[in-house]
Amino acid sequence: MASFATEFPVKPIADRRAFVAQVISWVRGMADSTVLDNPRDQDLAGDTAHLRSQSGEELRLRELGREGTLEAIGFRHDFPDIEGRLWRTEAVVRRGVSHDAQDLIRLRTECIARAQGARLDIPRKPFLIKTILRDGWGGKDRELSVSDSPIWIPDDDAGVAVARAVTLGQATQYLPVVYISATGPLKWLLSQNQIERLAYDLGGVAHVVVEPSRAFSFRVRELTAEQNTYGGTLERFPI
């Protein structure tokens, strides 16, 4: 079995319909999916739903509440292919359990062998994450907002504080940080387009943080006992 997984804060979800709409939109955009070809409204209503197509594709939705308050909601989508594999994607959103009472989404995709000798591939990041971030659901991971855009650090004291927190592993709780140091004022080893593409690809998996100048690196160095990265280096800082 090969898998992909991530977990990050999201803004509070008002009701189940918003989450269900995201899931339905994601499944409908999937090539060869048939599980939603003929759904009825009642099939997706209530706190439990289970749809299955003739091909064996399945979609399950579950929610957990107490005294009329939604506490968690999730789904599992199983998609068998002709190569003897099952592609399983599941996600759970728990309400108010992250920093500042934000919601927390945990998502995992697996490639599972159903036939002997089936070739397993490492799953890609589900497009569902991109739509969640595109729609502005990304929450605050301590000092950094979850998004699919680079975080351009300002060249001021507040920016130095952010860079220091990143270097010392204090900036985030859930996602790691890819820190891009500068070679000069607004100059890096990567182009701006490459940096933006990197952040887009890593959205929901890691934060991409970009410092403004080489002089900025020296300011950060003084506050981090020379633990910071500099000179155009790209470095991943753990949580």
C-alpha atoms as a PDB file:
ATOM      1  CA  MET A   1       0.000   0.000   0.000  1.00  0.00           C
ATOM      2  CA  ALA A   2       1.227   3.502  -0.888  1.00  0.00           C
ATOM      3  CA  SER A   3      -0.259   6.572   0.739  1.00  0.00           C
ATOM      4  CA  PHE A   4      -0.363  10.363   0.956  1.00  0.00           C
ATOM      5  CA  ALA A   5      -1.580  12.234   4.043  1.00  0.00           C
ATOM      6  CA  THR A   6      -1.766  15.743   5.437  1.00  0.00           C
ATOM      7  CA  GLU A   7      -3.484  17.649   8.229  1.00  0.00           C
ATOM      8  CA  PHE A   8      -4.037  21.382   8.637  1.00  0.00           C
ATOM      9  CA  PRO A   9      -6.409  23.926  10.214  1.00  0.00           C
ATOM     10  CA  VAL A  10      -9.391  25.274   8.297  1.00  0.00           C
ATOM     11  CA  LYS A  11     -11.830  28.043   9.055  1.00  0.00           C
ATOM     12  CA  PRO A  12     -14.935  26.932  10.988  1.00  0.00           C
ATOM     13  CA  ILE A  13     -17.457  25.161   8.765  1.00  0.00           C
ATOM     14  CA  ALA A  14     -20.910  26.654   9.190  1.00  0.00           C
ATOM     15  CA  ASP A  15     -22.842  23.468   8.389  1.00  0.00           C
ATOM     16  CA  ARG A  16     -22.496  20.080   6.730  1.00  0.00           C
ATOM     17  CA  ARG A  17     -23.792  21.323   3.373  1.00  0.00           C
ATOM     18  CA  ALA A  18     -20.625  23.308   2.690  1.00  0.00           C
ATOM     19  CA  PHE A  19     -18.425  20.250   3.235  1.00  0.00           C
ATOM     20  CA  VAL A  20     -20.707  17.914   1.289  1.00  0.00           C
ATOM     21  CA  ALA A  21     -20.746  20.382  -1.614  1.00  0.00           C
ATOM     22  CA  GLN A  22     -16.937  20.348  -1.715  1.00  0.00           C
ATOM     23  CA  VAL A  23     -16.867  16.549  -1.789  1.00  0.00           C
ATOM     24  CA  ILE A  24     -19.540  16.283  -4.486  1.00  0.00           C
ATOM     25  CA  SER A  25     -17.776  18.867  -6.664  1.00  0.00           C
ATOM     26  CA  TRP A  26     -14.495  16.954  -6.300  1.00  0.00           C
ATOM     27  CA  VAL A  27     -16.047  13.580  -7.201  1.00  0.00           C
ATOM     28  CA  ARG A  28     -17.934  15.032 -10.174  1.00  0.00           C
ATOM     29  CA  GLY A  29     -14.659  16.382 -11.551  1.00  0.00           C
ATOM     30  CA  MET A  30     -13.038  12.950 -11.441  1.00  0.00           C
ATOM     31  CA  ALA A  31     -12.621  11.184 -14.772  1.00  0.00           C
ATOM     32  CA  ASP A  32     -14.622   7.929 -15.117  1.00  0.00           C
ATOM     33  CA  SER A  33     -16.464   8.426 -11.821  1.00  0.00           C
ATOM     34  CA  THR A  34     -20.079   7.184 -11.928  1.00  0.00           C
ATOM     35  CA  VAL A  35     -21.077   7.050  -8.274  1.00  0.00           C
ATOM     36  CA  LEU A  36     -22.953  10.360  -8.521  1.00  0.00           C
ATOM     37  CA  ASP A  37     -24.590   9.737 -11.896  1.00  0.00           C
ATOM     38  CA  ASN A  38     -28.069   9.147 -10.438  1.00  0.00           C
ATOM     39  CA  PRO A  39     -28.127  10.289  -6.801  1.00  0.00           C
ATOM     40  CA  ARG A  40     -31.330  11.370  -5.104  1.00  0.00           C
ATOM     41  CA  ASP A  41     -31.464  14.187  -2.569  1.00  0.00           C
ATOM     42  CA  GLN A  42     -32.354  11.750   0.195  1.00  0.00           C
ATOM     43  CA  ASP A  43     -29.284   9.644  -0.628  1.00  0.00           C
ATOM     44  CA  LEU A  44     -27.038  12.418   0.716  1.00  0.00           C
ATOM     45  CA  ALA A  45     -29.276  13.574   3.563  1.00  0.00           C
ATOM     46  CA  GLY A  46     -28.989  12.691   7.242  1.00  0.00           C
ATOM     47  CA  ASP A  47     -25.883  11.877   9.223  1.00  0.00           C
ATOM     48  CA  THR A  48     -25.048   8.762   7.176  1.00  0.00           C
ATOM     49  CA  ALA A  49     -24.908   8.309   3.419  1.00  0.00           C
ATOM     50  CA  HIS A  50     -23.617   5.465   1.255  1.00  0.00           C
ATOM     51  CA  LEU A  51     -23.604   5.480  -2.547  1.00  0.00           C
ATOM     52  CA  ARG A  52     -22.316   2.665  -4.743  1.00  0.00           C
ATOM     53  CA  SER A  53     -22.086   2.345  -8.520  1.00  0.00           C
ATOM     54  CA  GLN A  54     -22.087  -0.824 -10.622  1.00  0.00           C
ATOM     55  CA  SER A  55     -18.338  -0.462 -11.145  1.00  0.00           C
ATOM     56  CA  GLY A  56     -17.754  -0.854  -7.396  1.00  0.00           C
ATOM     57  CA  GLU A  57     -17.012   2.823  -6.792  1.00  0.00           C
ATOM     58  CA  GLU A  58     -18.309   3.904  -3.384  1.00  0.00           C
ATOM     59  CA  LEU A  59     -18.851   7.155  -1.543  1.00  0.00           C
ATOM     60  CA  ARG A  60     -19.620   7.218   2.169  1.00  0.00           C
ATOM     61  CA  LEU A  61     -20.422  10.317   4.222  1.00  0.00           C
ATOM     62  CA  ARG A  62     -20.588  10.351   8.015  1.00  0.00           C
ATOM     63  CA  GLU A  63     -21.179  13.052  10.573  1.00  0.00           C
ATOM     64  CA  LEU A  64     -21.034  13.136  14.342  1.00  0.00           C
ATOM     65  CA  GLY A  65     -22.985  15.589  16.448  1.00  0.00           C
ATOM     66  CA  ARG A  66     -24.157  16.176  19.945  1.00  0.00           C
ATOM     67  CA  GLU A  67     -27.301  18.024  20.986  1.00  0.00           C
ATOM     68  CA  GLY A  68     -27.741  19.460  17.507  1.00  0.00           C
ATOM     69  CA  THR A  69     -24.130  20.636  17.185  1.00  0.00           C
ATOM     70  CA  LEU A  70     -21.897  19.231  14.453  1.00  0.00           C
ATOM     71  CA  GLU A  71     -18.656  17.904  15.971  1.00  0.00           C
ATOM     72  CA  ALA A  72     -17.104  16.068  13.024  1.00  0.00           C
ATOM     73  CA  ILE A  73     -17.863  15.186   9.437  1.00  0.00           C
ATOM     74  CA  GLY A  74     -16.003  13.022   6.980  1.00  0.00           C
ATOM     75  CA  PHE A  75     -16.115  10.909   3.855  1.00  0.00           C
ATOM     76  CA  ARG A  76     -14.512   7.884   2.243  1.00  0.00           C
ATOM     77  CA  HIS A  77     -14.302   7.460  -1.518  1.00  0.00           C
ATOM     78  CA  ASP A  78     -13.231   4.114  -3.002  1.00  0.00           C
ATOM     79  CA  PHE A  79     -12.387   3.951  -6.690  1.00  0.00           C
ATOM     80  CA  PRO A  80     -11.308   0.589  -8.201  1.00  0.00           C
ATOM     81  CA  ASP A  81      -9.338   0.643 -11.450  1.00  0.00           C
ATOM     82  CA  ILE A  82      -8.748  -1.890 -14.214  1.00  0.00           C
ATOM     83  CA  GLU A  83      -5.208  -2.612 -12.977  1.00  0.00           C
ATOM     84  CA  GLY A  84      -6.399  -4.346  -9.828  1.00  0.00           C
ATOM     85  CA  ARG A  85      -5.943  -1.397  -7.496  1.00  0.00           C
ATOM     86  CA  LEU A  86      -8.246   0.512  -5.177  1.00  0.00           C
ATOM     87  CA  TRP A  87      -7.763   4.262  -4.803  1.00  0.00           C
ATOM     88  CA  ARG A  88      -9.130   5.270  -1.422  1.00  0.00           C
ATOM     89  CA  THR A  89      -9.456   8.876  -0.307  1.00  0.00           C
ATOM     90  CA  GLU A  90     -10.831   9.795   3.094  1.00  0.00           C
ATOM     91  CA  ALA A  91     -11.016  12.982   5.089  1.00  0.00           C
ATOM     92  CA  VAL A  92     -12.359  14.044   8.464  1.00  0.00           C
ATOM     93  CA  VAL A  93     -13.045  17.581   9.667  1.00  0.00           C
ATOM     94  CA  ARG A  94     -13.176  17.989  13.452  1.00  0.00           C
ATOM     95  CA  ARG A  95     -14.794  21.130  14.765  1.00  0.00           C
ATOM     96  CA  GLY A  96     -13.004  23.563  17.042  1.00  0.00           C
ATOM     97  CA  VAL A  97     -10.014  21.374  17.921  1.00  0.00           C
ATOM     98  CA  SER A  98      -7.206  23.408  16.355  1.00  0.00           C
ATOM     99  CA  HIS A  99      -5.527  26.626  17.446  1.00  0.00           C
ATOM    100  CA  ASP A 100      -8.000  29.425  18.271  1.00  0.00           C
ATOM    101  CA  ALA A 101     -10.924  26.973  18.061  1.00  0.00           C
ATOM    102  CA  GLN A 102     -10.458  26.446  14.326  1.00  0.00           C
ATOM    103  CA  ASP A 103     -11.544  23.264  12.584  1.00  0.00           C
ATOM    104  CA  LEU A 104      -8.949  20.675  11.614  1.00  0.00           C
ATOM    105  CA  ILE A 105      -9.001  18.591   8.439  1.00  0.00           C
ATOM    106  CA  ARG A 106      -7.094  15.339   8.115  1.00  0.00           C
ATOM    107  CA  LEU A 107      -6.916  13.833   4.645  1.00  0.00           C
ATOM    108  CA  ARG A 108      -5.380  10.606   3.378  1.00  0.00           C
ATOM    109  CA  THR A 109      -5.220   8.895  -0.016  1.00  0.00           C
ATOM    110  CA  GLU A 110      -4.093   5.295  -0.462  1.00  0.00           C
ATOM    111  CA  CYS A 111      -3.309   3.041  -3.398  1.00  0.00           C
ATOM    112  CA  ILE A 112      -4.256  -0.498  -2.326  1.00  0.00           C
ATOM    113  CA  ALA A 113      -3.565  -3.709  -4.229  1.00  0.00           C
ATOM    114  CA  ARG A 114      -6.686  -5.777  -4.895  1.00  0.00           C
ATOM    115  CA  ALA A 115      -5.036  -8.299  -7.205  1.00  0.00           C
ATOM    116  CA  GLN A 116      -1.789 -10.202  -6.872  1.00  0.00           C
ATOM    117  CA  GLY A 117       1.040  -8.413  -8.639  1.00  0.00           C
ATOM    118  CA  ALA A 118      -0.800  -5.118  -8.978  1.00  0.00           C
ATOM    119  CA  ARG A 119       1.631  -2.225  -9.381  1.00  0.00           C
ATOM    120  CA  LEU A 120       1.240   0.378  -6.648  1.00  0.00           C
ATOM    121  CA  ASP A 121       1.739   4.074  -7.351  1.00  0.00           C
ATOM    122  CA  ILE A 122       2.254   6.832  -4.807  1.00  0.00           C
ATOM    123  CA  PRO A 123      -0.992   8.853  -4.728  1.00  0.00           C
ATOM    124  CA  ARG A 124      -0.916  12.499  -5.734  1.00  0.00           C
ATOM    125  CA  LYS A 125      -2.331  15.261  -3.605  1.00  0.00           C
ATOM    126  CA  PRO A 126      -6.104  15.182  -4.154  1.00  0.00           C
ATOM    127  CA  PHE A 127      -7.494  18.143  -6.080  1.00  0.00           C
ATOM    128  CA  LEU A 128      -9.955  18.515  -3.204  1.00  0.00           C
ATOM    129  CA  ILE A 129      -7.207  20.243  -1.214  1.00  0.00           C
ATOM    130  CA  LYS A 130      -6.708  22.775  -3.997  1.00  0.00           C
ATOM    131  CA  THR A 131     -10.416  23.637  -4.123  1.00  0.00           C
ATOM    132  CA  ILE A 132     -10.609  23.987  -0.336  1.00  0.00           C
ATOM    133  CA  LEU A 133      -7.711  26.443  -0.361  1.00  0.00           C
ATOM    134  CA  ARG A 134      -8.936  28.224  -3.480  1.00  0.00           C
ATOM    135  CA  ASP A 135     -12.275  28.819  -1.755  1.00  0.00           C
ATOM    136  CA  GLY A 136     -10.522  30.432   1.199  1.00  0.00           C
ATOM    137  CA  TRP A 137     -10.984  27.664   3.764  1.00  0.00           C
ATOM    138  CA  GLY A 138      -7.341  27.679   4.863  1.00  0.00           C
ATOM    139  CA  GLY A 139      -6.905  28.456   8.565  1.00  0.00           C
ATOM    140  CA  LYS A 140      -4.027  29.820  10.615  1.00  0.00           C
ATOM    141  CA  ASP A 141      -1.200  27.423  11.476  1.00  0.00           C
ATOM    142  CA  ARG A 142       0.174  29.421  14.405  1.00  0.00           C
ATOM    143  CA  GLU A 143       2.071  32.248  12.653  1.00  0.00           C
ATOM    144  CA  LEU A 144       1.351  31.241   9.045  1.00  0.00           C
ATOM    145  CA  SER A 145      -1.874  31.045   7.055  1.00  0.00           C
ATOM    146  CA  VAL A 146      -2.525  27.837   5.127  1.00  0.00           C
ATOM    147  CA  SER A 147      -2.701  28.639   1.420  1.00  0.00           C
ATOM    148  CA  ASP A 148      -1.310  27.694  -1.982  1.00  0.00           C
ATOM    149  CA  SER A 149       0.521  31.012  -2.389  1.00  0.00           C
ATOM    150  CA  PRO A 150       4.002  31.983  -1.163  1.00  0.00           C
ATOM    151  CA  ILE A 151       4.347  33.939   2.058  1.00  0.00           C
ATOM    152  CA  TRP A 152       6.497  36.954   1.156  1.00  0.00           C
ATOM    153  CA  ILE A 153       8.100  38.098   4.404  1.00  0.00           C
ATOM    154  CA  PRO A 154       8.104  41.901   4.796  1.00  0.00           C
ATOM    155  CA  ASP A 155      11.457  43.570   5.361  1.00  0.00           C
ATOM    156  CA  ASP A 156      10.645  44.891   8.840  1.00  0.00           C
ATOM    157  CA  ASP A 157      10.732  43.841  12.479  1.00  0.00           C
ATOM    158  CA  ALA A 158       7.543  41.806  12.140  1.00  0.00           C
ATOM    159  CA  GLY A 159       9.083  39.933   9.217  1.00  0.00           C
ATOM    160  CA  VAL A 160      12.249  39.218  11.182  1.00  0.00           C
ATOM    161  CA  ALA A 161      10.100  37.806  14.001  1.00  0.00           C
ATOM    162  CA  VAL A 162       8.381  35.447  11.560  1.00  0.00           C
ATOM    163  CA  ALA A 163      11.697  34.285  10.067  1.00  0.00           C
ATOM    164  CA  ARG A 164      13.105  33.704  13.532  1.00  0.00           C
ATOM    165  CA  ALA A 165      10.077  31.618  14.522  1.00  0.00           C
ATOM    166  CA  VAL A 166      10.401  29.557  11.338  1.00  0.00           C
ATOM    167  CA  THR A 167      14.098  28.945  11.918  1.00  0.00           C
ATOM    168  CA  LEU A 168      13.544  27.855  15.513  1.00  0.00           C
ATOM    169  CA  GLY A 169      10.600  25.610  14.622  1.00  0.00           C
ATOM    170  CA  GLN A 170       8.100  27.795  16.465  1.00  0.00           C
ATOM    171  CA  ALA A 171       6.095  29.222  13.554  1.00  0.00           C
ATOM    172  CA  THR A 172       3.768  26.289  12.851  1.00  0.00           C
ATOM    173  CA  GLN A 173       2.107  23.351  14.543  1.00  0.00           C
ATOM    174  CA  TYR A 174       0.868  21.202  11.663  1.00  0.00           C
ATOM    175  CA  LEU A 175       2.707  21.839   8.407  1.00  0.00           C
ATOM    176  CA  PRO A 176       6.456  22.097   7.755  1.00  0.00           C
ATOM    177  CA  VAL A 177       7.985  25.163   6.122  1.00  0.00           C
ATOM    178  CA  VAL A 178      10.047  25.469   2.957  1.00  0.00           C
ATOM    179  CA  TYR A 179      12.147  28.586   3.531  1.00  0.00           C
ATOM    180  CA  ILE A 180      13.677  30.347   0.523  1.00  0.00           C
ATOM    181  CA  SER A 181      16.535  32.667   1.406  1.00  0.00           C
ATOM    182  CA  ALA A 182      17.529  35.607  -0.788  1.00  0.00           C
ATOM    183  CA  THR A 183      20.693  36.261  -2.777  1.00  0.00           C
ATOM    184  CA  GLY A 184      19.967  39.999  -2.937  1.00  0.00           C
ATOM    185  CA  PRO A 185      17.081  42.470  -2.712  1.00  0.00           C
ATOM    186  CA  LEU A 186      14.058  40.543  -4.061  1.00  0.00           C
ATOM    187  CA  LYS A 187      16.421  38.036  -5.707  1.00  0.00           C
ATOM    188  CA  TRP A 188      16.438  34.259  -5.238  1.00  0.00           C
ATOM    189  CA  LEU A 189      17.835  31.202  -6.994  1.00  0.00           C
ATOM    190  CA  LEU A 190      14.294  30.499  -8.202  1.00  0.00           C
ATOM    191  CA  SER A 191      12.276  32.923 -10.297  1.00  0.00           C
ATOM    192  CA  GLN A 192       9.107  34.425  -8.867  1.00  0.00           C
ATOM    193  CA  ASN A 193       7.044  32.196 -11.160  1.00  0.00           C
ATOM    194  CA  GLN A 194       8.895  29.117  -9.943  1.00  0.00           C
ATOM    195  CA  ILE A 195       8.325  30.120  -6.322  1.00  0.00           C
ATOM    196  CA  GLU A 196       4.624  30.636  -6.945  1.00  0.00           C
ATOM    197  CA  ARG A 197       4.398  27.264  -8.669  1.00  0.00           C
ATOM    198  CA  LEU A 198       6.184  25.569  -5.785  1.00  0.00           C
ATOM    199  CA  ALA A 199       3.755  27.095  -3.293  1.00  0.00           C
ATOM    200  CA  TYR A 200       0.814  26.028  -5.453  1.00  0.00           C
ATOM    201  CA  ASP A 201       2.078  22.441  -5.630  1.00  0.00           C
ATOM    202  CA  LEU A 202       2.721  22.316  -1.873  1.00  0.00           C
ATOM    203  CA  GLY A 203      -0.500  24.020  -0.781  1.00  0.00           C
ATOM    204  CA  GLY A 204      -1.943  22.103   2.170  1.00  0.00           C
ATOM    205  CA  VAL A 205       1.299  20.115   2.514  1.00  0.00           C
ATOM    206  CA  ALA A 206       3.856  22.777   3.456  1.00  0.00           C
ATOM    207  CA  HIS A 207       4.162  26.544   3.768  1.00  0.00           C
ATOM    208  CA  VAL A 208       6.506  28.297   1.335  1.00  0.00           C
ATOM    209  CA  VAL A 209       8.134  31.298   3.017  1.00  0.00           C
ATOM    210  CA  VAL A 210      10.327  33.746   1.099  1.00  0.00           C
ATOM    211  CA  GLU A 211      12.695  36.270   2.660  1.00  0.00           C
ATOM    212  CA  PRO A 212      13.088  39.730   1.085  1.00  0.00           C
ATOM    213  CA  SER A 213      16.846  40.289   0.910  1.00  0.00           C
ATOM    214  CA  ARG A 214      20.287  39.042   1.849  1.00  0.00           C
ATOM    215  CA  ALA A 215      20.636  41.855   4.397  1.00  0.00           C
ATOM    216  CA  PHE A 216      17.512  40.428   6.026  1.00  0.00           C
ATOM    217  CA  SER A 217      19.375  37.117   6.516  1.00  0.00           C
ATOM    218  CA  PHE A 218      21.996  38.830   8.663  1.00  0.00           C
ATOM    219  CA  ARG A 219      19.296  40.303  10.906  1.00  0.00           C
ATOM    220  CA  VAL A 220      17.769  36.867  11.363  1.00  0.00           C
ATOM    221  CA  ARG A 221      21.190  35.328  12.002  1.00  0.00           C
ATOM    222  CA  GLU A 222      21.733  37.547  15.029  1.00  0.00           C
ATOM    223  CA  LEU A 223      18.497  36.316  16.606  1.00  0.00           C
ATOM    224  CA  THR A 224      18.900  32.616  15.858  1.00  0.00           C
ATOM    225  CA  ALA A 225      22.485  31.883  16.901  1.00  0.00           C
ATOM    226  CA  GLU A 226      23.365  31.530  13.191  1.00  0.00           C
ATOM    227  CA  GLN A 227      20.875  28.682  12.675  1.00  0.00           C
ATOM    228  CA  ASN A 228      19.118  30.390   9.772  1.00  0.00           C
ATOM    229  CA  THR A 229      19.511  29.523   6.117  1.00  0.00           C
ATOM    230  CA  TYR A 230      20.982  32.114   3.740  1.00  0.00           C
ATOM    231  CA  GLY A 231      22.593  32.745   0.357  1.00  0.00           C
ATOM    232  CA  GLY A 232      19.729  31.461  -1.779  1.00  0.00           C
ATOM    233  CA  THR A 233      19.423  28.123   0.002  1.00  0.00           C
ATOM    234  CA  LEU A 234      16.083  26.331   0.174  1.00  0.00           C
ATOM    235  CA  GLU A 235      15.578  24.545   3.451  1.00  0.00           C
ATOM    236  CA  ARG A 236      12.763  22.583   5.011  1.00  0.00           C
ATOM    237  CA  PHE A 237      12.176  23.398   8.636  1.00  0.00           C
ATOM    238  CA  PRO A 238      10.407  20.709  10.672  1.00  0.00           C
ATOM    239  CA  ILE A 239       7.420  21.387  12.877  1.00  0.00           C
END
